[in-house]
Protein backbone atom coordinates (compact mmCIF):
# COMPACT_ATOMS: atom_id res chain seq x y z
CA MET A 1 -32.58 -17.14 -17.11
CA ARG A 2 -31.22 -14.48 -19.45
CA THR A 3 -31.64 -11.78 -16.76
CA ALA A 4 -29.75 -13.91 -14.22
CA LEU A 5 -26.89 -14.45 -16.68
CA THR A 6 -26.70 -10.73 -17.46
CA SER A 7 -26.69 -9.89 -13.74
CA ALA A 8 -23.94 -12.42 -13.08
CA LEU A 9 -21.77 -10.97 -15.88
CA ILE A 10 -22.25 -7.43 -14.57
CA LEU A 11 -21.38 -8.53 -11.04
CA LEU A 12 -18.30 -10.37 -12.29
CA GLY A 13 -17.20 -7.23 -14.13
CA LEU A 14 -17.65 -5.08 -11.03
CA VAL A 15 -15.79 -7.48 -8.76
CA GLY A 16 -12.86 -7.74 -11.15
CA CYS A 17 -12.46 -3.95 -11.33
CA VAL A 18 -10.19 -3.30 -8.33
CA PRO A 19 -7.92 -0.26 -8.64
CA SER A 20 -4.25 -1.16 -8.37
CA GLU A 21 -0.92 0.61 -8.83
CA ARG A 22 2.28 -1.42 -8.97
CA VAL A 23 5.93 -0.46 -9.39
CA PRO A 24 7.96 -3.69 -9.12
CA GLY A 25 11.02 -3.65 -6.89
CA SER A 26 13.77 -6.12 -6.09
CA GLY A 27 15.55 -7.34 -2.99
CA GLY A 28 14.37 -7.45 0.58
CA GLU A 29 11.56 -9.41 2.12
CA VAL A 30 8.01 -9.01 0.79
CA ILE A 31 5.12 -8.43 3.17
CA ARG A 32 1.46 -7.78 2.31
CA ILE A 33 -0.71 -5.95 4.80
CA ARG A 34 -4.46 -5.41 4.50
CA GLN A 35 -5.97 -2.06 5.40
CA GLY A 36 -6.61 -1.84 9.14
CA ASN A 37 -4.00 -4.51 9.97
CA VAL A 38 -0.44 -4.52 11.30
CA GLY A 39 2.63 -6.52 10.29
CA THR A 40 6.08 -6.85 11.84
CA PHE A 41 9.61 -7.17 10.50
CA HIS A 42 12.18 -7.64 13.28
CA GLU A 43 11.57 -4.62 15.61
CA LEU A 44 9.66 -2.68 12.91
CA GLY A 45 5.88 -2.49 13.19
CA LEU A 46 3.96 -1.56 10.03
CA GLY A 47 0.31 -0.56 9.90
CA VAL A 48 -1.89 0.27 6.90
CA MET A 49 -4.27 2.88 8.25
CA ASN A 50 -6.04 3.85 5.03
CA ILE A 51 -5.98 3.45 1.24
CA PHE A 52 -7.45 6.25 -0.85
CA GLU A 53 -7.22 8.11 -4.14
CA ALA A 54 -5.49 11.50 -4.05
CA ASP A 55 -4.04 14.06 -6.43
CA HIS A 56 -0.30 13.71 -6.93
CA ILE A 57 2.12 15.87 -8.91
CA ASP A 58 4.42 13.70 -11.05
CA GLU A 59 8.02 14.44 -12.10
CA ALA A 60 6.81 16.38 -15.16
CA GLY A 61 4.60 18.61 -12.99
CA ALA A 62 1.35 17.03 -14.20
CA LYS A 63 -1.44 16.45 -11.70
CA LYS A 64 -2.63 12.82 -11.56
CA ASN A 65 -5.14 11.04 -9.38
CA ARG A 66 -3.32 8.04 -7.85
CA LEU A 67 -3.85 5.45 -5.17
CA SER A 68 -2.17 6.41 -1.91
CA ALA A 69 -1.78 4.68 1.43
CA ALA A 70 -1.42 6.05 4.95
CA LEU A 71 1.20 3.94 6.74
CA SER A 72 2.24 3.96 10.37
CA LEU A 73 5.77 2.70 11.11
CA SER A 74 7.10 2.14 14.59
CA ILE A 75 10.30 0.79 16.13
CA ASP A 76 10.42 -0.57 19.66
CA GLY A 77 13.22 0.90 21.69
CA ASP A 78 14.19 3.47 24.26
CA PRO A 79 12.74 5.81 23.22
CA PRO A 80 10.33 4.16 20.76
CA GLN A 81 9.94 5.78 17.34
CA GLU A 82 6.70 6.19 15.40
CA LYS A 83 6.05 8.03 12.14
CA HIS A 84 3.15 8.30 9.73
CA PHE A 85 3.62 8.47 5.96
CA LYS A 86 1.38 9.13 2.95
CA VAL A 87 2.87 7.00 0.14
CA GLN A 88 2.33 5.96 -3.46
CA ALA A 89 3.56 2.85 -5.31
CA GLY A 90 7.25 3.19 -6.18
CA GLN A 91 8.08 5.30 -3.14
CA LYS A 92 10.84 4.37 -0.65
CA ILE A 93 10.81 5.49 2.99
CA VAL A 94 13.40 5.03 5.72
CA LEU A 95 12.91 4.80 9.48
CA GLY A 96 15.87 3.98 11.70
CA ASN A 97 17.77 1.05 10.21
CA TYR A 98 14.88 0.00 7.98
CA SER A 99 14.14 0.73 4.34
CA VAL A 100 10.54 0.24 3.13
CA TYR A 101 9.74 0.19 -0.61
CA VAL A 102 6.05 0.47 -1.58
CA GLU A 103 5.66 -2.03 -4.40
CA GLU A 104 1.87 -2.13 -4.79
CA ILE A 105 -1.26 -0.47 -3.49
CA ARG A 106 -4.40 -2.42 -4.32
CA GLY A 107 -8.04 -1.56 -3.79
CA THR A 108 -9.49 1.18 -1.63
CA VAL A 109 -11.96 -0.15 0.93
CA LYS A 110 -10.18 -3.03 2.71
CA GLY A 111 -7.42 -3.04 0.11
CA GLN A 112 -3.84 -4.12 0.69
CA VAL A 113 -0.30 -2.80 0.37
CA THR A 114 2.70 -4.85 -0.76
CA LEU A 115 6.00 -3.71 0.78
CA ARG A 116 9.64 -4.76 0.31
CA LEU A 117 11.55 -4.47 3.58
CA GLU A 118 15.29 -4.32 4.22
CA ARG A 119 17.36 -3.88 7.32
CA ARG A 120 20.19 -1.44 6.57
């Protein structure tokens, strides 16, 4: 019984230890997309291709290991537009008339990204 309880506590500790980076934003519509999935916002298609840890140089020039996400953004049209971005929480990207703020990157394998979207 004691071994089962110890195993359950260890498992609970491991499950609750999901890496996450969050930089709260304001305004716009919030959308959460799991890794490997696609979301839409008007004509804008958003895909989360990958979530991974990578070295990043901060404003002070210090090297930090941070969660990053590989996003694919596309806009239907003539001609259609598609761009790929490597982003971190707190970063804002623009494609066409759309502004995308990366509010949170959570997890690595099958994690999710929280975005704030605005039409400009």
